């Protein structure tokens, strides 16, 4: 049995209703993206994106808030620092 699914843009009000912490998440994403991009040390856009995701997950998971957990990443995250 398949469930109906809607795919499309949400208004800010809909996003706020669905995820009251979206502003907090966006602030973390913006800060991490700026910092990791400025640090350099990545070979390509894929590696940059992975570094950003790993850092966001670290920050969120270090909050130890069971209602605020980063997504589970199943890929090999071996990143060599330069």
PDB file of N, CA and C in Angstrom:
ATOM      1  N   UNK A   1       0.842  -1.157   0.000  1.00  0.00           N
ATOM      2  CA  UNK A   1       0.000   0.000   0.000  1.00  0.00           C
ATOM      3  C   UNK A   1       0.900   1.237   0.000  1.00  0.00           C
ATOM      4  N   UNK A   2       0.701   2.117  -0.933  1.00  0.00           N
ATOM      5  CA  UNK A   2       1.514   3.328  -0.974  1.00  0.00           C
ATOM      6  C   UNK A   2       0.758   4.473  -0.308  1.00  0.00           C
ATOM      7  N   UNK A   3       1.535   5.377   0.242  1.00  0.00           N
ATOM      8  CA  UNK A   3       0.943   6.536   0.900  1.00  0.00           C
ATOM      9  C   UNK A   3       0.979   7.712  -0.061  1.00  0.00           C
ATOM     10  N   UNK A   4      -0.051   8.529  -0.068  1.00  0.00           N
ATOM     11  CA  UNK A   4      -0.031   9.712  -0.916  1.00  0.00           C
ATOM     12  C   UNK A   4       1.084  10.652  -0.453  1.00  0.00           C
ATOM     13  N   UNK A   5       1.710  11.288  -1.411  1.00  0.00           N
ATOM     14  CA  UNK A   5       2.809  12.175  -1.079  1.00  0.00           C
ATOM     15  C   UNK A   5       2.673  13.452  -1.881  1.00  0.00           C
ATOM     16  N   UNK A   6       2.931  14.560  -1.228  1.00  0.00           N
ATOM     17  CA  UNK A   6       2.928  15.846  -1.904  1.00  0.00           C
ATOM     18  C   UNK A   6       4.355  16.340  -1.940  1.00  0.00           C
ATOM     19  N   UNK A   7       4.809  16.779  -3.093  1.00  0.00           N
ATOM     20  CA  UNK A   7       6.147  17.328  -3.242  1.00  0.00           C
ATOM     21  C   UNK A   7       6.000  18.731  -3.791  1.00  0.00           C
ATOM     22  N   UNK A   8       6.605  19.689  -3.134  1.00  0.00           N
ATOM     23  CA  UNK A   8       6.529  21.065  -3.582  1.00  0.00           C
ATOM     24  C   UNK A   8       7.087  21.993  -2.524  1.00  0.00           C
ATOM     25  N   UNK A   9       6.987  23.267  -2.778  1.00  0.00           N
ATOM     26  CA  UNK A   9       7.504  24.270  -1.846  1.00  0.00           C
ATOM     27  C   UNK A   9       6.534  24.504  -0.697  1.00  0.00           C
ATOM     28  N   UNK A  10       7.109  24.783   0.458  1.00  0.00           N
ATOM     29  CA  UNK A  10       6.322  25.160   1.619  1.00  0.00           C
ATOM     30  C   UNK A  10       6.430  26.667   1.810  1.00  0.00           C
ATOM     31  N   UNK A  11       5.384  27.249   2.324  1.00  0.00           N
ATOM     32  CA  UNK A  11       5.476  28.647   2.733  1.00  0.00           C
ATOM     33  C   UNK A  11       6.273  28.693   4.036  1.00  0.00           C
ATOM     34  N   UNK A  12       6.733  29.860   4.438  1.00  0.00           N
ATOM     35  CA  UNK A  12       7.464  29.973   5.700  1.00  0.00           C
ATOM     36  C   UNK A  12       6.587  29.528   6.862  1.00  0.00           C
ATOM     37  N   UNK A  13       5.304  29.863   6.831  1.00  0.00           N
ATOM     38  CA  UNK A  13       4.394  29.451   7.903  1.00  0.00           C
ATOM     39  C   UNK A  13       4.260  27.924   7.957  1.00  0.00           C
ATOM     40  N   UNK A  14       4.163  27.276   6.797  1.00  0.00           N
ATOM     41  CA  UNK A  14       4.076  25.819   6.764  1.00  0.00           C
ATOM     42  C   UNK A  14       5.359  25.187   7.292  1.00  0.00           C
ATOM     43  N   UNK A  15       6.497  25.755   6.917  1.00  0.00           N
ATOM     44  CA  UNK A  15       7.775  25.243   7.407  1.00  0.00           C
ATOM     45  C   UNK A  15       7.870  25.414   8.917  1.00  0.00           C
ATOM     46  N   UNK A  16       7.473  26.576   9.425  1.00  0.00           N
ATOM     47  CA  UNK A  16       7.498  26.817  10.867  1.00  0.00           C
ATOM     48  C   UNK A  16       6.600  25.827  11.603  1.00  0.00           C
ATOM     49  N   UNK A  17       5.442  25.512  11.029  1.00  0.00           N
ATOM     50  CA  UNK A  17       4.541  24.536  11.643  1.00  0.00           C
ATOM     51  C   UNK A  17       5.150  23.139  11.639  1.00  0.00           C
ATOM     52  N   UNK A  18       5.795  22.772  10.531  1.00  0.00           N
ATOM     53  CA  UNK A  18       6.373  21.441  10.392  1.00  0.00           C
ATOM     54  C   UNK A  18       7.649  21.290  11.214  1.00  0.00           C
ATOM     55  N   UNK A  19       8.415  22.361  11.311  1.00  0.00           N
ATOM     56  CA  UNK A  19       9.703  22.310  12.003  1.00  0.00           C
ATOM     57  C   UNK A  19       9.937  23.623  12.735  1.00  0.00           C
ATOM     58  N   UNK A  20       9.485  23.717  13.974  1.00  0.00           N
ATOM     59  CA  UNK A  20       9.632  24.963  14.723  1.00  0.00           C
ATOM     60  C   UNK A  20      11.091  25.396  14.915  1.00  0.00           C
ATOM     61  N   UNK A  21      12.039  24.476  14.766  1.00  0.00           N
ATOM     62  CA  UNK A  21      13.456  24.806  14.967  1.00  0.00           C
ATOM     63  C   UNK A  21      14.178  25.080  13.652  1.00  0.00           C
ATOM     64  N   UNK A  22      13.428  25.318  12.576  1.00  0.00           N
ATOM     65  CA  UNK A  22      14.081  25.516  11.283  1.00  0.00           C
ATOM     66  C   UNK A  22      15.000  26.729  11.273  1.00  0.00           C
ATOM     67  N   UNK A  23      14.681  27.766  12.018  1.00  0.00           N
ATOM     68  CA  UNK A  23      15.559  28.927  12.093  1.00  0.00           C
ATOM     69  C   UNK A  23      16.887  28.583  12.739  1.00  0.00           C
ATOM     70  N   UNK A  24      16.836  27.771  13.786  1.00  0.00           N
ATOM     71  CA  UNK A  24      18.046  27.319  14.468  1.00  0.00           C
ATOM     72  C   UNK A  24      18.892  26.452  13.532  1.00  0.00           C
ATOM     73  N   UNK A  25      18.233  25.563  12.811  1.00  0.00           N
ATOM     74  CA  UNK A  25      18.932  24.704  11.855  1.00  0.00           C
ATOM     75  C   UNK A  25      19.587  25.556  10.769  1.00  0.00           C
ATOM     76  N   UNK A  26      18.857  26.521  10.239  1.00  0.00           N
ATOM     77  CA  UNK A  26      19.406  27.366   9.169  1.00  0.00           C
ATOM     78  C   UNK A  26      20.612  28.147   9.661  1.00  0.00           C
ATOM     79  N   UNK A  27      20.573  28.629  10.901  1.00  0.00           N
ATOM     80  CA  UNK A  27      21.714  29.366  11.457  1.00  0.00           C
ATOM     81  C   UNK A  27      22.942  28.469  11.563  1.00  0.00           C
ATOM     82  N   UNK A  28      22.748  27.223  11.998  1.00  0.00           N
ATOM     83  CA  UNK A  28      23.858  26.270  12.080  1.00  0.00           C
ATOM     84  C   UNK A  28      24.412  25.993  10.691  1.00  0.00           C
ATOM     85  N   UNK A  29      23.530  25.736   9.734  1.00  0.00           N
ATOM     86  CA  UNK A  29      23.961  25.453   8.353  1.00  0.00           C
ATOM     87  C   UNK A  29      24.739  26.626   7.778  1.00  0.00           C
ATOM     88  N   UNK A  30      24.235  27.840   7.961  1.00  0.00           N
ATOM     89  CA  UNK A  30      24.908  29.024   7.417  1.00  0.00           C
ATOM     90  C   UNK A  30      26.296  29.194   8.020  1.00  0.00           C
ATOM     91  N   UNK A  31      26.407  29.056   9.350  1.00  0.00           N
ATOM     92  CA  UNK A  31      27.696  29.234  10.027  1.00  0.00           C
ATOM     93  C   UNK A  31      28.694  28.166   9.590  1.00  0.00           C
ATOM     94  N   UNK A  32      28.270  26.912   9.586  1.00  0.00           N
ATOM     95  CA  UNK A  32      29.166  25.815   9.219  1.00  0.00           C
ATOM     96  C   UNK A  32      29.600  25.938   7.764  1.00  0.00           C
ATOM     97  N   UNK A  33      28.675  26.253   6.878  1.00  0.00           N
ATOM     98  CA  UNK A  33      29.010  26.387   5.460  1.00  0.00           C
ATOM     99  C   UNK A  33      30.052  27.476   5.249  1.00  0.00           C
ATOM    100  N   UNK A  34      29.870  28.615   5.873  1.00  0.00           N
ATOM    101  CA  UNK A  34      30.828  29.717   5.732  1.00  0.00           C
ATOM    102  C   UNK A  34      32.196  29.315   6.286  1.00  0.00           C
ATOM    103  N   UNK A  35      32.214  28.703   7.454  1.00  0.00           N
ATOM    104  CA  UNK A  35      33.477  28.342   8.096  1.00  0.00           C
ATOM    105  C   UNK A  35      34.222  27.259   7.332  1.00  0.00           C
ATOM    106  N   UNK A  36      33.536  26.178   6.957  1.00  0.00           N
ATOM    107  CA  UNK A  36      34.188  25.069   6.260  1.00  0.00           C
ATOM    108  C   UNK A  36      34.657  25.500   4.879  1.00  0.00           C
ATOM    109  N   UNK A  37      33.865  26.301   4.185  1.00  0.00           N
ATOM    110  CA  UNK A  37      34.258  26.790   2.862  1.00  0.00           C
ATOM    111  C   UNK A  37      35.507  27.662   2.975  1.00  0.00           C
ATOM    112  N   UNK A  38      35.545  28.525   3.977  1.00  0.00           N
ATOM    113  CA  UNK A  38      36.693  29.415   4.158  1.00  0.00           C
ATOM    114  C   UNK A  38      37.960  28.648   4.534  1.00  0.00           C
ATOM    115  N   UNK A  39      37.813  27.540   5.248  1.00  0.00           N
ATOM    116  CA  UNK A  39      38.969  26.745   5.664  1.00  0.00           C
ATOM    117  C   UNK A  39      39.646  26.065   4.480  1.00  0.00           C
ATOM    118  N   UNK A  40      38.875  25.765   3.440  1.00  0.00           N
ATOM    119  CA  UNK A  40      39.440  25.047   2.294  1.00  0.00           C
ATOM    120  C   UNK A  40      39.810  23.628   2.680  1.00  0.00           C
ATOM    121  N   UNK A  41      40.745  23.051   1.945  1.00  0.00           N
ATOM    122  CA  UNK A  41      41.204  21.704   2.257  1.00  0.00           C
ATOM    123  C   UNK A  41      40.302  20.606   1.736  1.00  0.00           C
ATOM    124  N   UNK A  42      39.508  20.895   0.748  1.00  0.00           N
ATOM    125  CA  UNK A  42      38.649  19.884   0.151  1.00  0.00           C
ATOM    126  C   UNK A  42      38.997  19.796  -1.336  1.00  0.00           C
ATOM    127  N   UNK A  43      38.898  18.592  -1.882  1.00  0.00           N
ATOM    128  CA  UNK A  43      39.322  18.347  -3.260  1.00  0.00           C
ATOM    129  C   UNK A  43      38.255  18.704  -4.288  1.00  0.00           C
ATOM    130  N   UNK A  44      36.978  18.622  -3.883  1.00  0.00           N
ATOM    131  CA  UNK A  44      35.884  18.854  -4.828  1.00  0.00           C
ATOM    132  C   UNK A  44      34.606  19.184  -4.063  1.00  0.00           C
ATOM    133  N   UNK A  45      33.569  19.498  -4.808  1.00  0.00           N
ATOM    134  CA  UNK A  45      32.298  19.887  -4.191  1.00  0.00           C
ATOM    135  C   UNK A  45      31.689  18.760  -3.359  1.00  0.00           C
ATOM    136  N   UNK A  46      31.880  17.528  -3.769  1.00  0.00           N
ATOM    137  CA  UNK A  46      31.348  16.401  -3.004  1.00  0.00           C
ATOM    138  C   UNK A  46      32.007  16.325  -1.640  1.00  0.00           C
ATOM    139  N   UNK A  47      33.318  16.476  -1.612  1.00  0.00           N
ATOM    140  CA  UNK A  47      34.033  16.429  -0.339  1.00  0.00           C
ATOM    141  C   UNK A  47      33.654  17.624   0.545  1.00  0.00           C
ATOM    142  N   UNK A  48      33.481  18.799  -0.057  1.00  0.00           N
ATOM    143  CA  UNK A  48      33.037  19.976   0.691  1.00  0.00           C
ATOM    144  C   UNK A  48      31.671  19.704   1.319  1.00  0.00           C
ATOM    145  N   UNK A  49      30.741  19.208   0.532  1.00  0.00           N
ATOM    146  CA  UNK A  49      29.407  18.913   1.043  1.00  0.00           C
ATOM    147  C   UNK A  49      29.428  17.902   2.172  1.00  0.00           C
ATOM    148  N   UNK A  50      30.259  16.885   2.038  1.00  0.00           N
ATOM    149  CA  UNK A  50      30.375  15.871   3.088  1.00  0.00           C
ATOM    150  C   UNK A  50      30.934  16.490   4.360  1.00  0.00           C
ATOM    151  N   UNK A  51      31.977  17.321   4.233  1.00  0.00           N
ATOM    152  CA  UNK A  51      32.545  17.975   5.414  1.00  0.00           C
ATOM    153  C   UNK A  51      31.498  18.846   6.104  1.00  0.00           C
ATOM    154  N   UNK A  52      30.727  19.572   5.327  1.00  0.00           N
ATOM    155  CA  UNK A  52      29.688  20.431   5.898  1.00  0.00           C
ATOM    156  C   UNK A  52      28.652  19.584   6.635  1.00  0.00           C
ATOM    157  N   UNK A  53      28.180  18.515   6.013  1.00  0.00           N
ATOM    158  CA  UNK A  53      27.173  17.656   6.650  1.00  0.00           C
ATOM    159  C   UNK A  53      27.703  17.028   7.935  1.00  0.00           C
ATOM    160  N   UNK A  54      28.945  16.565   7.919  1.00  0.00           N
ATOM    161  CA  UNK A  54      29.527  15.937   9.108  1.00  0.00           C
ATOM    162  C   UNK A  54      29.630  16.946  10.243  1.00  0.00           C
ATOM    163  N   UNK A  55      30.050  18.165   9.951  1.00  0.00           N
ATOM    164  CA  UNK A  55      30.180  19.197  10.982  1.00  0.00           C
ATOM    165  C   UNK A  55      28.810  19.604  11.537  1.00  0.00           C
ATOM    166  N   UNK A  56      27.819  19.732  10.667  1.00  0.00           N
ATOM    167  CA  UNK A  56      26.466  20.049  11.138  1.00  0.00           C
ATOM    168  C   UNK A  56      25.968  18.948  12.069  1.00  0.00           C
ATOM    169  N   UNK A  57      26.159  17.696  11.679  1.00  0.00           N
ATOM    170  CA  UNK A  57      25.727  16.564  12.506  1.00  0.00           C
ATOM    171  C   UNK A  57      26.438  16.586  13.855  1.00  0.00           C
ATOM    172  N   UNK A  58      27.739  16.885  13.847  1.00  0.00           N
ATOM    173  CA  UNK A  58      28.499  16.922  15.102  1.00  0.00           C
ATOM    174  C   UNK A  58      27.912  17.974  16.049  1.00  0.00           C
ATOM    175  N   UNK A  59      27.676  19.159  15.536  1.00  0.00           N
ATOM    176  CA  UNK A  59      27.134  20.251  16.365  1.00  0.00           C
ATOM    177  C   UNK A  59      25.773  19.873  16.940  1.00  0.00           C
ATOM    178  N   UNK A  60      24.893  19.375  16.096  1.00  0.00           N
ATOM    179  CA  UNK A  60      23.541  19.019  16.552  1.00  0.00           C
ATOM    180  C   UNK A  60      23.582  17.876  17.558  1.00  0.00           C
ATOM    181  N   UNK A  61      24.344  16.832  17.264  1.00  0.00           N
ATOM    182  CA  UNK A  61      24.372  15.670  18.154  1.00  0.00           C
ATOM    183  C   UNK A  61      25.063  15.965  19.475  1.00  0.00           C
ATOM    184  N   UNK A  62      25.988  16.938  19.508  1.00  0.00           N
ATOM    185  CA  UNK A  62      26.635  17.314  20.769  1.00  0.00           C
ATOM    186  C   UNK A  62      25.691  18.079  21.696  1.00  0.00           C
ATOM    187  N   UNK A  63      24.528  18.474  21.193  1.00  0.00           N
ATOM    188  CA  UNK A  63      23.530  19.129  22.037  1.00  0.00           C
ATOM    189  C   UNK A  63      22.837  18.123  22.946  1.00  0.00           C
ATOM    190  N   UNK A  64      22.919  16.835  22.602  1.00  0.00           N
ATOM    191  CA  UNK A  64      22.298  15.755  23.391  1.00  0.00           C
ATOM    192  C   UNK A  64      20.830  16.034  23.673  1.00  0.00           C
ATOM    193  N   UNK A  65      20.121  16.441  22.638  1.00  0.00           N
ATOM    194  CA  UNK A  65      18.689  16.729  22.720  1.00  0.00           C
ATOM    195  C   UNK A  65      17.970  15.656  21.908  1.00  0.00           C
ATOM    196  N   UNK A  66      17.241  14.777  22.569  1.00  0.00           N
ATOM    197  CA  UNK A  66      16.591  13.664  21.871  1.00  0.00           C
ATOM    198  C   UNK A  66      15.538  14.122  20.867  1.00  0.00           C
ATOM    199  N   UNK A  67      15.119  15.387  20.957  1.00  0.00           N
ATOM    200  CA  UNK A  67      14.156  15.925  20.001  1.00  0.00           C
ATOM    201  C   UNK A  67      14.828  16.696  18.872  1.00  0.00           C
ATOM    202  N   UNK A  68      16.158  16.658  18.822  1.00  0.00           N
ATOM    203  CA  UNK A  68      16.910  17.412  17.825  1.00  0.00           C
ATOM    204  C   UNK A  68      18.140  16.586  17.457  1.00  0.00           C
ATOM    205  N   UNK A  69      17.965  15.697  16.474  1.00  0.00           N
ATOM    206  CA  UNK A  69      18.999  14.736  16.124  1.00  0.00           C
ATOM    207  C   UNK A  69      19.327  14.877  14.644  1.00  0.00           C
ATOM    208  N   UNK A  70      20.620  14.847  14.331  1.00  0.00           N
ATOM    209  CA  UNK A  70      21.046  14.937  12.931  1.00  0.00           C
ATOM    210  C   UNK A  70      20.690  13.663  12.186  1.00  0.00           C
ATOM    211  N   UNK A  71      20.575  13.809  10.872  1.00  0.00           N
ATOM    212  CA  UNK A  71      20.280  12.649  10.045  1.00  0.00           C
ATOM    213  C   UNK A  71      21.385  11.611  10.168  1.00  0.00           C
ATOM    214  N   UNK A  72      21.046  10.370   9.986  1.00  0.00           N
ATOM    215  CA  UNK A  72      21.993   9.271  10.003  1.00  0.00           C
ATOM    216  C   UNK A  72      22.704   9.231   8.656  1.00  0.00           C
ATOM    217  N   UNK A  73      24.022   9.211   8.681  1.00  0.00           N
ATOM    218  CA  UNK A  73      24.807   9.147   7.442  1.00  0.00           C
ATOM    219  C   UNK A  73      25.377   7.746   7.339  1.00  0.00           C
ATOM    220  N   UNK A  74      25.077   7.062   6.249  1.00  0.00           N
ATOM    221  CA  UNK A  74      25.497   5.681   6.085  1.00  0.00           C
ATOM    222  C   UNK A  74      26.707   5.513   5.167  1.00  0.00           C
ATOM    223  N   UNK A  75      27.157   6.590   4.553  1.00  0.00           N
ATOM    224  CA  UNK A  75      28.290   6.507   3.626  1.00  0.00           C
ATOM    225  C   UNK A  75      29.597   6.445   4.400  1.00  0.00           C
ATOM    226  N   UNK A  76      30.652   6.011   3.719  1.00  0.00           N
ATOM    227  CA  UNK A  76      31.994   6.022   4.279  1.00  0.00           C
ATOM    228  C   UNK A  76      32.438   7.471   4.385  1.00  0.00           C
ATOM    229  N   UNK A  77      32.712   7.933   5.589  1.00  0.00           N
ATOM    230  CA  UNK A  77      33.033   9.344   5.797  1.00  0.00           C
ATOM    231  C   UNK A  77      34.510   9.547   6.090  1.00  0.00           C
ATOM    232  N   UNK A  78      35.346   8.727   5.518  1.00  0.00           N
ATOM    233  CA  UNK A  78      36.769   8.908   5.698  1.00  0.00           C
ATOM    234  C   UNK A  78      37.192  10.148   4.916  1.00  0.00           C
ATOM    235  N   UNK A  79      37.596  11.183   5.656  1.00  0.00           N
ATOM    236  CA  UNK A  79      38.008  12.436   5.039  1.00  0.00           C
ATOM    237  C   UNK A  79      39.442  12.708   5.484  1.00  0.00           C
ATOM    238  N   UNK A  80      40.304  12.858   4.529  1.00  0.00           N
ATOM    239  CA  UNK A  80      41.692  13.124   4.836  1.00  0.00           C
ATOM    240  C   UNK A  80      41.897  14.624   4.969  1.00  0.00           C
ATOM    241  N   UNK A  81      42.399  15.054   6.116  1.00  0.00           N
ATOM    242  CA  UNK A  81      42.700  16.463   6.340  1.00  0.00           C
ATOM    243  C   UNK A  81      44.004  16.790   5.645  1.00  0.00           C
ATOM    244  N   UNK A  82      44.078  17.992   5.092  1.00  0.00           N
ATOM    245  CA  UNK A  82      45.324  18.426   4.463  1.00  0.00           C
ATOM    246  C   UNK A  82      46.112  19.274   5.413  1.00  0.00           C
TER     247      UNK A  82
END
